[in-house]
Protein backbone atom coordinates (compact mmCIF):
# COMPACT_ATOMS: atom_id res chain seq x y z
CA MET A 1 0.00 0.00 0.00
CA ALA A 2 2.90 2.36 0.75
CA ILE A 3 4.28 1.82 -2.75
CA ALA A 4 0.87 2.40 -4.29
CA ALA A 5 0.48 5.59 -2.27
CA SER A 6 3.92 6.81 -3.37
CA LEU A 7 3.09 6.18 -7.01
CA ALA A 8 -0.17 8.05 -6.61
CA VAL A 9 1.64 11.04 -5.08
CA TRP A 10 4.23 11.00 -7.89
CA SER A 11 1.51 10.81 -10.55
CA CYS A 12 -0.30 13.81 -9.08
CA ALA A 13 2.94 15.76 -8.90
CA ALA A 14 3.86 14.97 -12.51
CA ASN A 15 0.38 15.74 -13.76
CA PRO A 16 -1.09 18.46 -11.51
CA PRO A 17 -4.89 18.44 -11.60
CA VAL A 18 -6.78 21.22 -13.32
CA GLN A 19 -8.06 23.67 -10.70
CA THR A 20 -11.71 22.96 -11.31
CA ALA A 21 -14.39 22.64 -8.67
CA VAL A 22 -15.37 18.99 -8.52
CA PRO A 23 -17.95 17.26 -6.42
CA THR A 24 -16.92 15.42 -3.27
CA THR A 25 -16.14 11.82 -4.09
CA SER A 26 -19.46 10.05 -3.94
CA ALA A 27 -20.36 6.51 -3.04
CA ALA A 28 -21.01 5.93 -6.76
CA VAL A 29 -17.46 6.98 -7.68
CA HIS A 30 -16.02 4.82 -4.89
CA GLN A 31 -17.98 1.89 -6.29
CA LEU A 32 -16.78 2.63 -9.84
CA ARG A 33 -13.19 2.63 -8.68
CA ALA A 34 -13.69 -0.62 -6.81
CA ASP A 35 -15.26 -2.26 -9.88
CA LEU A 36 -12.48 -1.12 -12.20
CA THR A 37 -9.80 -2.16 -9.71
CA ARG A 38 -11.24 -5.68 -9.62
CA ILE A 39 -11.31 -5.83 -13.42
CA PHE A 40 -7.76 -4.62 -14.04
CA ASN A 41 -6.25 -6.36 -11.02
CA ALA A 42 -7.67 -9.74 -12.02
CA SER A 43 -5.10 -12.44 -11.30
CA ILE A 44 -5.36 -13.82 -14.85
CA ASN A 45 -3.04 -11.02 -16.00
CA ASP A 46 -0.69 -10.95 -13.03
CA ARG A 47 2.34 -11.11 -15.33
CA GLY A 48 1.11 -8.25 -17.50
CA VAL A 49 0.90 -4.52 -16.88
CA TRP A 50 -2.10 -2.21 -17.20
CA GLY A 51 -2.00 1.56 -17.62
CA VAL A 52 -5.46 3.08 -17.21
CA ASP A 53 -6.71 6.66 -16.92
CA VAL A 54 -10.35 7.77 -16.80
CA ARG A 55 -11.49 11.38 -16.51
CA SER A 56 -14.77 13.24 -16.65
CA LEU A 57 -14.79 15.89 -19.35
CA ASP A 58 -17.77 17.51 -17.69
CA THR A 59 -16.33 17.97 -14.18
CA GLY A 60 -12.58 17.51 -14.69
CA GLU A 61 -12.57 14.75 -12.07
CA ARG A 62 -10.11 11.88 -12.36
CA LEU A 63 -12.38 8.91 -11.86
CA PHE A 64 -9.79 6.12 -12.04
CA GLU A 65 -6.03 5.79 -12.27
CA MET A 66 -3.75 2.79 -12.58
CA ASN A 67 -0.13 3.28 -13.63
CA THR A 68 -1.31 6.50 -15.29
CA GLY A 69 2.19 7.94 -15.56
CA LYS A 70 3.96 4.73 -16.61
CA LEU A 71 5.49 4.71 -20.09
CA MET A 72 4.01 1.83 -22.09
CA MET A 73 4.04 0.67 -25.70
CA PRO A 74 0.88 2.10 -27.33
CA ALA A 75 0.73 0.17 -30.62
CA SER A 76 -1.69 2.03 -32.94
CA ASN A 77 -2.69 4.49 -30.23
CA MET A 78 0.43 6.30 -31.48
CA LYS A 79 -1.77 7.36 -34.39
CA ILE A 80 -3.56 9.71 -31.99
CA LEU A 81 -0.33 11.69 -31.61
CA THR A 82 0.40 11.62 -35.34
CA LEU A 83 -3.06 12.79 -36.36
CA SER A 84 -3.07 15.51 -33.69
CA ALA A 85 0.09 17.06 -35.14
CA ALA A 86 -1.07 16.65 -38.75
CA ALA A 87 -4.45 18.26 -38.06
CA ASP A 88 -2.81 21.10 -36.14
CA ALA A 89 -0.13 21.77 -38.77
CA LEU A 90 -2.03 21.07 -41.99
CA GLY A 91 -5.68 21.61 -41.10
CA TRP A 92 -8.59 19.23 -41.66
CA ASP A 93 -9.16 20.59 -45.20
CA TYR A 94 -5.59 19.95 -46.35
CA ARG A 95 -5.23 18.08 -49.66
CA PHE A 96 -2.18 16.38 -51.16
CA THR A 97 -1.21 17.35 -54.71
CA THR A 98 -0.04 15.13 -57.57
CA THR A 99 1.07 16.53 -60.92
CA VAL A 100 1.42 14.84 -64.31
CA GLU A 101 3.93 16.42 -66.69
CA ALA A 102 5.06 15.68 -70.24
CA ARG A 103 8.82 16.03 -70.58
CA GLY A 104 9.61 16.24 -74.28
CA THR A 105 7.86 17.25 -77.49
CA VAL A 106 4.51 16.22 -78.91
CA ALA A 107 4.06 15.51 -82.61
CA ASP A 108 1.30 13.61 -84.41
CA GLY A 109 -0.19 12.42 -81.13
CA VAL A 110 3.09 11.05 -79.78
CA LEU A 111 4.97 12.35 -76.76
CA HIS A 112 8.63 11.96 -77.66
CA GLY A 113 9.92 11.91 -74.12
CA ASP A 114 8.80 10.91 -70.66
CA LEU A 115 5.72 11.25 -68.52
CA VAL A 116 6.76 12.54 -65.10
CA ILE A 117 4.47 12.14 -62.08
CA LYS A 118 5.27 14.02 -58.90
CA SER A 119 3.48 14.07 -55.54
CA ASN A 120 3.93 15.30 -51.99
CA GLY A 121 2.61 12.06 -50.53
CA ASP A 122 -1.00 11.44 -51.59
CA PRO A 123 -1.79 8.02 -50.03
CA THR A 124 -5.29 7.75 -51.50
CA ILE A 125 -4.60 6.54 -55.06
CA ASN A 126 -5.77 3.05 -54.22
CA THR A 127 -8.72 0.70 -54.55
CA ARG A 128 -10.80 2.25 -51.75
CA ASN A 129 -14.00 3.52 -53.36
CA GLY A 130 -12.42 2.93 -56.79
CA ARG A 131 -10.28 6.05 -56.46
CA ALA A 132 -7.27 4.67 -58.37
CA ASP A 133 -9.50 3.83 -61.34
CA THR A 134 -11.01 7.32 -61.24
CA VAL A 135 -7.59 8.99 -61.12
CA LEU A 136 -6.11 6.88 -63.92
CA ALA A 137 -9.15 7.50 -66.12
CA ALA A 138 -8.80 11.24 -65.53
CA TRP A 139 -5.09 11.15 -66.39
CA ALA A 140 -5.71 9.20 -69.60
CA GLN A 141 -8.39 11.72 -70.55
CA ALA A 142 -6.07 14.65 -69.76
CA LEU A 143 -3.33 13.15 -71.96
CA THR A 144 -5.77 12.69 -74.81
CA GLY A 145 -6.97 16.25 -74.31
CA ALA A 146 -3.37 17.44 -74.61
CA GLY A 147 -3.05 15.66 -77.94
CA ILE A 148 -1.10 12.69 -76.59
CA GLN A 149 -2.24 9.26 -77.77
CA SER A 150 1.03 7.44 -77.09
CA ILE A 151 4.30 7.96 -75.24
CA ASP A 152 7.63 7.10 -76.80
CA GLY A 153 9.40 7.11 -73.49
CA ARG A 154 9.06 6.20 -69.83
CA VAL A 155 6.77 6.85 -66.86
CA ILE A 156 9.00 8.51 -64.26
CA GLY A 157 7.98 8.63 -60.61
CA ASN A 158 9.38 11.74 -58.90
CA ASP A 159 9.40 11.06 -55.14
CA GLN A 160 11.71 13.86 -54.02
CA ALA A 161 9.25 15.36 -51.50
CA PHE A 162 10.19 12.61 -49.00
CA ASP A 163 13.46 11.00 -48.04
CA ASP A 164 14.14 7.36 -48.91
CA GLU A 165 13.83 5.92 -45.39
CA ASP A 166 10.74 3.90 -46.16
CA ILE A 167 10.35 1.60 -43.14
CA GLY A 168 10.24 2.61 -39.51
CA ALA A 169 12.84 2.26 -36.77
CA GLY A 170 11.95 -0.63 -34.51
CA TRP A 171 9.86 -2.47 -37.08
CA SER A 172 10.32 -6.23 -36.83
CA TRP A 173 12.05 -7.95 -39.75
CA ASP A 174 9.68 -10.93 -39.67
CA TYR A 175 6.60 -8.99 -40.78
CA LEU A 176 8.05 -6.68 -43.44
CA GLN A 177 6.42 -8.76 -46.19
CA TYR A 178 2.90 -8.12 -44.93
CA GLY A 179 0.68 -5.33 -46.19
CA TYR A 180 0.39 -3.62 -42.81
CA ALA A 181 4.17 -2.95 -42.92
CA ALA A 182 4.20 -1.43 -46.42
CA PRO A 183 7.02 1.10 -46.97
CA VAL A 184 6.21 4.81 -47.17
CA GLY A 185 7.08 7.13 -50.07
CA ALA A 186 6.01 10.40 -51.66
CA LEU A 187 4.38 8.33 -54.42
CA GLU A 188 2.04 5.57 -53.23
CA PHE A 189 -0.18 3.31 -55.32
CA ASN A 190 -2.68 0.88 -53.81
CA GLU A 191 -1.22 1.54 -50.35
CA ASP A 192 2.11 0.09 -51.54
CA VAL A 193 0.89 -3.49 -51.59
CA ALA A 194 0.97 -5.87 -54.55
CA THR A 195 -1.36 -8.84 -55.00
CA LEU A 196 0.08 -12.31 -54.55
CA SER A 197 -2.18 -14.97 -56.10
CA VAL A 198 -1.86 -18.68 -55.34
CA ALA A 199 -4.09 -21.07 -57.33
CA PRO A 200 -4.14 -24.88 -56.85
CA ASN A 201 -2.57 -27.24 -59.33
CA PRO A 202 -5.05 -29.58 -61.08
CA ASN A 203 -3.34 -32.49 -59.30
CA VAL A 204 -2.88 -33.26 -55.62
CA GLY A 205 0.77 -32.79 -54.73
CA GLY A 206 1.34 -30.56 -57.74
CA THR A 207 2.97 -27.13 -57.54
CA PRO A 208 0.37 -24.33 -57.26
CA ILE A 209 0.24 -21.53 -59.84
CA VAL A 210 1.73 -18.46 -58.20
CA SER A 211 1.85 -14.90 -59.54
CA LEU A 212 2.81 -11.51 -58.14
CA GLN A 213 1.65 -8.12 -59.40
CA ALA A 214 4.23 -6.32 -61.58
CA GLY A 215 6.44 -3.76 -59.93
CA ALA A 216 6.57 -5.39 -56.50
CA GLY A 217 10.34 -5.74 -56.85
CA LEU A 218 10.41 -9.29 -55.48
CA GLN A 219 11.56 -12.54 -57.05
CA LEU A 220 9.17 -15.42 -56.39
CA VAL A 221 10.31 -18.77 -54.99
CA ASN A 222 7.42 -21.24 -54.98
CA ARG A 223 7.72 -23.98 -52.34
CA ALA A 224 3.98 -24.49 -51.90
CA THR A 225 2.00 -27.59 -52.75
CA THR A 226 -1.57 -28.59 -53.62
CA GLY A 227 -3.39 -30.50 -50.90
CA SER A 228 -6.38 -32.80 -51.16
CA ALA A 229 -9.85 -31.32 -51.65
CA GLY A 230 -11.22 -29.98 -48.37
CA SER A 231 -7.82 -29.83 -46.67
CA ASP A 232 -6.68 -26.73 -44.79
CA ASP A 233 -5.31 -23.71 -46.63
CA THR A 234 -1.91 -23.11 -45.01
CA ILE A 235 -0.42 -20.78 -47.62
CA ASP A 236 2.07 -18.32 -46.17
CA TYR A 237 4.94 -16.23 -47.49
CA ARG A 238 8.10 -14.65 -46.16
CA ARG A 239 10.55 -12.11 -47.45
CA HIS A 240 14.26 -12.86 -47.25
CA ILE A 241 16.10 -10.18 -45.31
CA ASP A 242 19.30 -10.47 -47.36
CA ARG A 243 17.80 -10.18 -50.85
CA PRO A 244 14.49 -9.25 -52.56
CA VAL A 245 13.05 -12.76 -52.64
CA LEU A 246 9.52 -13.77 -51.63
CA GLU A 247 9.20 -17.42 -50.67
CA VAL A 248 5.72 -18.96 -50.82
CA THR A 249 5.08 -22.00 -48.62
CA GLY A 250 2.22 -24.14 -47.36
CA SER A 251 -0.64 -25.95 -49.05
CA ILE A 252 -3.77 -24.92 -50.92
CA PRO A 253 -6.69 -27.38 -51.32
CA LEU A 254 -7.42 -28.98 -54.68
CA GLY A 255 -10.25 -27.13 -56.45
CA ALA A 256 -10.10 -24.09 -54.15
CA GLN A 257 -10.47 -20.53 -55.40
CA PRO A 258 -7.18 -18.60 -55.74
CA ASP A 259 -5.78 -17.42 -52.43
CA ASN A 260 -4.98 -13.71 -52.81
CA ARG A 261 -2.74 -11.93 -50.33
CA ASN A 262 -1.33 -8.42 -49.96
CA VAL A 263 2.46 -8.17 -50.14
CA ALA A 264 4.43 -5.08 -49.18
CA VAL A 265 6.42 -3.86 -52.18
CA VAL A 266 10.15 -3.16 -52.11
CA ASN A 267 10.23 0.25 -53.83
CA PRO A 268 7.02 2.33 -53.56
CA THR A 269 8.06 4.72 -56.34
CA LEU A 270 8.88 2.00 -58.84
CA PHE A 271 5.64 0.20 -58.00
CA PHE A 272 3.73 3.45 -58.51
CA ALA A 273 5.35 4.14 -61.87
CA GLU A 274 4.83 0.59 -63.13
CA SER A 275 1.22 0.53 -61.94
CA VAL A 276 0.42 3.88 -63.54
CA ARG A 277 2.05 2.76 -66.76
CA ALA A 278 -0.08 -0.41 -66.83
CA GLY A 279 -3.19 1.59 -65.98
CA LEU A 280 -2.66 4.09 -68.79
CA VAL A 281 -1.90 1.36 -71.31
CA ALA A 282 -5.14 -0.37 -70.30
CA ARG A 283 -6.94 2.91 -71.02
CA GLY A 284 -5.58 3.29 -74.53
CA ILE A 285 -2.34 5.22 -74.03
CA ALA A 286 0.48 3.25 -75.67
CA ILE A 287 3.81 3.54 -73.80
CA THR A 288 7.08 2.13 -75.14
CA GLY A 289 9.29 2.60 -72.08
CA PRO A 290 9.13 1.17 -68.55
CA GLY A 291 8.10 2.72 -65.27
CA VAL A 292 11.18 4.06 -63.45
CA ASP A 293 12.16 5.64 -60.15
CA TYR A 294 13.51 9.20 -60.47
CA ASP A 295 16.38 8.29 -58.15
CA ASP A 296 17.66 5.74 -60.65
CA ILE A 297 17.95 8.28 -63.48
CA ALA A 298 18.48 11.52 -61.54
CA ALA A 299 21.93 12.13 -63.00
CA GLU A 300 20.46 11.92 -66.50
CA LEU A 301 17.85 14.57 -65.71
CA MET A 302 20.11 17.03 -63.90
CA PRO A 303 21.51 20.11 -65.70
CA VAL A 304 24.79 19.40 -67.50
CA GLU A 305 27.89 21.42 -66.64
CA SER A 306 29.22 23.44 -69.60
CA GLY A 307 32.42 25.32 -68.79
CA THR A 308 31.73 27.44 -65.71
CA HIS A 309 27.99 27.61 -66.31
CA ALA A 310 25.30 24.97 -65.89
CA ALA A 311 23.39 24.34 -69.08
CA THR A 312 19.63 23.99 -68.66
CA ASP A 313 17.75 20.77 -69.36
CA SER A 314 16.95 20.82 -73.07
CA MET A 315 13.74 18.82 -72.63
CA HIS A 316 10.57 20.90 -72.66
CA THR A 317 8.16 20.22 -69.78
CA THR A 318 4.39 20.74 -69.98
CA LEU A 319 1.93 20.37 -67.12
CA ILE A 320 -0.79 17.93 -68.19
CA THR A 321 -2.98 17.85 -65.10
CA THR A 322 -3.02 18.28 -61.32
CA THR A 323 -4.88 15.91 -59.02
CA MET A 324 -5.93 16.78 -55.47
CA SER A 325 -6.49 14.17 -52.80
CA PRO A 326 -9.59 14.06 -50.61
CA PRO A 327 -9.28 16.38 -47.58
CA LEU A 328 -7.36 15.34 -44.49
CA GLY A 329 -10.63 14.71 -42.65
CA GLU A 330 -11.50 11.88 -45.04
CA ILE A 331 -7.94 10.52 -45.03
CA ALA A 332 -7.95 10.55 -41.23
CA THR A 333 -11.17 8.55 -41.13
CA VAL A 334 -9.48 5.69 -42.99
CA LEU A 335 -6.36 6.14 -40.87
CA MET A 336 -8.23 5.74 -37.59
CA LYS A 337 -11.20 3.50 -38.34
CA VAL A 338 -9.23 0.75 -40.09
CA SER A 339 -5.88 1.68 -38.46
CA GLN A 340 -4.08 2.18 -41.78
CA ASN A 341 -0.37 2.27 -40.95
CA LEU A 342 0.84 3.67 -44.28
CA TYR A 343 -1.43 6.71 -43.90
CA ALA A 344 0.10 7.44 -40.49
CA GLU A 345 3.68 7.20 -41.74
CA THR A 346 2.77 9.41 -44.71
CA LEU A 347 1.21 12.08 -42.50
CA LEU A 348 4.25 12.15 -40.23
CA LYS A 349 6.53 12.93 -43.18
CA ALA A 350 3.99 15.26 -44.80
CA VAL A 351 3.93 17.45 -41.70
CA ALA A 352 7.70 17.85 -41.96
CA ALA A 353 7.53 18.58 -45.71
CA SER A 354 4.77 21.15 -45.22
CA ARG A 355 7.22 23.35 -43.34
CA GLY A 356 9.33 23.76 -46.46
CA GLY A 357 11.79 20.95 -45.91
CA LEU A 358 12.21 17.34 -46.87
CA GLY A 359 9.61 14.89 -45.58
CA THR A 360 11.46 12.95 -42.90
CA VAL A 361 10.42 11.03 -39.81
CA GLU A 362 12.70 13.16 -37.65
CA GLY A 363 11.11 16.33 -39.00
CA GLY A 364 7.69 14.86 -38.33
CA ARG A 365 8.62 13.93 -34.78
CA LEU A 366 9.81 17.48 -34.14
CA SER A 367 6.48 18.79 -35.42
CA VAL A 368 4.60 16.42 -33.11
CA ARG A 369 6.69 17.59 -30.18
CA ASN A 370 6.09 21.26 -31.01
CA THR A 371 2.34 20.68 -31.21
CA LEU A 372 2.08 18.64 -28.02
CA THR A 373 4.35 20.97 -26.05
CA GLY A 374 2.07 23.81 -27.08
CA TRP A 375 -0.83 21.80 -25.66
CA GLY A 376 0.95 21.39 -22.33
CA ILE A 377 1.93 17.74 -22.84
CA PRO A 378 5.22 16.94 -21.05
CA ALA A 379 7.97 15.89 -23.44
CA ASP A 380 9.04 13.05 -21.16
CA SER A 381 5.57 11.48 -21.18
CA TYR A 382 6.00 9.85 -24.60
CA VAL A 383 8.72 8.47 -26.88
CA MET A 384 7.94 8.55 -30.60
CA TYR A 385 9.83 6.64 -33.29
CA ASP A 386 7.19 6.23 -36.00
CA GLY A 387 3.75 7.51 -36.86
CA SER A 388 1.77 4.29 -36.93
CA GLY A 389 2.72 2.51 -33.72
CA LEU A 390 4.36 -0.49 -35.37
CA SER A 391 7.67 0.35 -33.73
CA ARG A 392 8.44 -1.30 -30.42
CA TYR A 393 10.56 1.75 -29.57
CA ASN A 394 7.41 3.84 -29.01
CA TYR A 395 6.20 4.63 -25.49
CA VAL A 396 3.42 6.80 -24.08
CA THR A 397 1.55 7.09 -20.81
CA ALA A 398 -2.18 6.56 -20.43
CA GLY A 399 -2.35 10.03 -18.87
CA THR A 400 -0.75 11.56 -21.95
CA LEU A 401 -3.29 9.93 -24.24
CA THR A 402 -6.23 11.19 -22.18
CA SER A 403 -4.70 14.68 -22.06
CA ILE A 404 -4.36 14.76 -25.85
CA LEU A 405 -7.89 13.43 -26.32
CA GLU A 406 -9.21 15.99 -23.85
CA HIS A 407 -7.51 18.81 -25.75
CA LEU A 408 -8.95 17.64 -29.06
CA TYR A 409 -12.42 17.34 -27.52
CA LYS A 410 -12.35 20.83 -26.01
CA ASP A 411 -10.87 22.58 -29.08
CA SER A 412 -13.66 23.57 -31.47
CA ALA A 413 -11.19 23.55 -34.38
CA HIS A 414 -10.63 19.82 -33.88
CA ARG A 415 -13.50 18.32 -31.91
CA ASP A 416 -16.08 17.31 -34.52
CA ALA A 417 -13.57 16.39 -37.22
CA PHE A 418 -11.51 14.25 -34.85
CA LEU A 419 -14.43 12.48 -33.19
CA SER A 420 -15.81 11.48 -36.59
CA THR A 421 -12.60 9.56 -37.36
CA LEU A 422 -12.83 7.16 -34.41
CA PRO A 423 -14.26 3.64 -34.64
CA ILE A 424 -17.72 3.28 -33.08
CA ALA A 425 -18.22 0.38 -30.66
CA GLY A 426 -20.21 -2.44 -32.20
CA LYS A 427 -20.71 -0.48 -35.44
CA ASP A 428 -17.64 0.14 -37.59
CA GLY A 429 -13.89 0.07 -38.02
CA THR A 430 -11.74 -1.94 -35.66
CA LEU A 431 -14.51 -1.86 -33.01
CA ALA A 432 -17.23 -3.27 -35.26
CA ALA A 433 -17.30 -6.63 -33.49
CA ARG A 434 -16.64 -5.39 -29.95
CA LEU A 435 -18.93 -4.21 -27.13
CA ARG A 436 -22.06 -5.37 -28.92
CA GLN A 437 -25.27 -5.67 -26.91
CA THR A 438 -23.89 -3.42 -24.17
CA ARG A 439 -24.64 0.18 -23.24
CA ALA A 440 -21.33 1.04 -24.91
CA GLU A 441 -22.52 -0.12 -28.36
CA GLY A 442 -22.99 2.90 -30.60
CA ASN A 443 -21.86 5.03 -27.65
CA ALA A 444 -18.15 4.47 -27.05
CA ILE A 445 -15.76 5.73 -29.74
CA ALA A 446 -12.11 4.80 -29.45
CA LYS A 447 -8.82 4.05 -31.17
CA THR A 448 -7.62 0.49 -30.84
CA GLY A 449 -4.01 -0.70 -30.83
CA SER A 450 -2.48 -4.09 -31.47
CA ILE A 451 1.05 -5.46 -31.79
CA ALA A 452 2.56 -8.54 -30.16
CA ASN A 453 1.97 -8.47 -26.37
CA VAL A 454 0.43 -4.99 -26.60
CA ARG A 455 -3.21 -3.92 -26.71
CA ALA A 456 -4.62 -0.41 -26.39
CA LEU A 457 -8.01 1.29 -26.36
CA SER A 458 -8.39 5.05 -25.88
CA GLY A 459 -11.37 7.28 -26.54
CA PHE A 460 -14.69 8.53 -25.19
CA VAL A 461 -17.86 7.09 -23.71
CA LYS A 462 -21.03 8.55 -22.20
CA THR A 463 -22.26 7.28 -18.86
CA ARG A 464 -25.82 6.29 -18.01
CA ASP A 465 -26.36 9.94 -16.95
CA GLY A 466 -24.97 11.34 -20.22
CA GLU A 467 -21.70 12.45 -18.62
CA MET A 468 -18.83 12.40 -21.14
CA LEU A 469 -15.75 10.45 -20.05
CA VAL A 470 -12.35 10.19 -21.71
CA PHE A 471 -10.33 7.04 -21.11
CA SER A 472 -7.12 5.27 -22.04
CA ILE A 473 -6.52 1.58 -21.40
CA LEU A 474 -3.07 0.16 -22.22
CA ALA A 475 -1.91 -3.43 -21.72
CA ASN A 476 1.72 -4.56 -22.08
CA ASP A 477 3.78 -7.67 -21.38
CA PHE A 478 0.88 -10.10 -21.13
CA VAL A 479 1.18 -13.81 -21.85
CA ILE A 480 -2.52 -14.68 -21.85
CA PRO A 481 -4.49 -14.65 -25.13
CA ALA A 482 -4.88 -11.20 -26.66
CA ALA A 483 -8.63 -11.83 -27.00
CA THR A 484 -8.82 -12.05 -23.21
CA ILE A 485 -7.01 -8.74 -22.84
CA ASN A 486 -9.48 -7.14 -25.27
CA TRP A 487 -12.36 -8.63 -23.30
CA ILE A 488 -11.02 -7.15 -20.04
CA ALA A 489 -10.57 -3.72 -21.66
CA ASP A 490 -14.08 -3.91 -23.12
CA LEU A 491 -15.49 -4.87 -19.73
CA GLY A 492 -13.90 -1.74 -18.29
CA VAL A 493 -15.54 0.42 -20.96
CA GLU A 494 -18.86 -1.31 -20.38
CA VAL A 495 -18.63 -0.47 -16.67
CA LEU A 496 -17.94 3.17 -17.58
CA SER A 497 -20.98 3.25 -19.87
CA ASN A 498 -23.15 1.93 -17.02
CA PHE A 499 -21.80 4.39 -14.44
CA SER A 500 -24.30 6.73 -12.79
CA ARG A 501 -23.77 9.33 -10.10
CA GLN A 502 -27.40 8.97 -9.08
CA VAL A 503 -28.21 6.89 -6.06
CA GLN A 504 -29.47 3.53 -7.30
């Protein structure tokens, strides 16, 4: 008890309470604290650690604290910090810009030169709502409108708005092949994932038919087999860490439909250029050259030294069209509701680039720190290494998350836009299947978080009396099933939704 009391004193000293008149602790609050203590002190998770903070946004009262000031891995709750800085720096109406330029001369419907596509990080040219198809159709139409029916040259992806550090510090090598760990770049197509298709062989024991979307930058090694009809599908794949090889293993049942998986590409810019090239060809624009990464031909495109003066590039450049992304508010909804990691990493670099420099993670982290310091968030209450929460180098306290959420809720410039991005319990996003048939269903809105041995849930819920609460629930170092941890966290939120200050 002495240790617990000391921790409580330290927590209050590190996070002094807002000087707001609050009601004397009632029997109902005492009961709430007792209920939550039983839930989060359950012996089933004795080897794990909980960090929990619950506050009333109506009274300012801290209703429950457990390890509130302890630094813990947040998983995708790190996206709350990333989005806060992006919204503050860019604004909810911010749109990314992508330009299409013809570099060369046009004669008789032919562009004798290259098509150059440049962006400052638009992550939305993908299959969600058919946007990629819409964009490619518009670009094909713009080329036709400019008198270009074919291109005797290449499709060049110009990714110079961001640096080339495309995966995060602290990301684990054993999941880099999966779509959720796709590398970030200033040019992104289909969220930087290529489709791997595995179809069964007509004969049991035969080698399946395996294909990988062009531009992924990976060499396929097929070690899979075809199992008997009705057998388990055990297809898996791994990326070699020493070379760009994707090894497919496991078994697919005879007669099964193709097993399609998302594979993180090696070079986002090359994948973008190759995908755009294929898309334009499919829409009637003939192209003789390949898709290429600007970095691979930069020396060719730079001005040539002539004596003591630099000669200008002799190739004429014409703007064909400019494409704007949906506003940040819509991008953020995908980011938070489905926990899209690539969007988070893109926003972190975009914030840095928006200040006139190169889009880097370090620049993004500095922007996050500037924003949060301005909001009164202590710099030692979080450690940020990436924007998405995939990194195991990230740390944050439950108290920091509730403080950030409280600021967003009370700031009219952010409140409505931010709240609309969060998953709704029992309804959509990563909370669609959780807290159903409870008072929290359709009521609680929160950001989830999930990496190995880490679960997080932070957001808002209304009590039985309509009082608005903000909460953060972090779990680290557990060895019991993650589903059990989620169930415990959900039970805590359900208790909050049932809380009433009225005498029962």
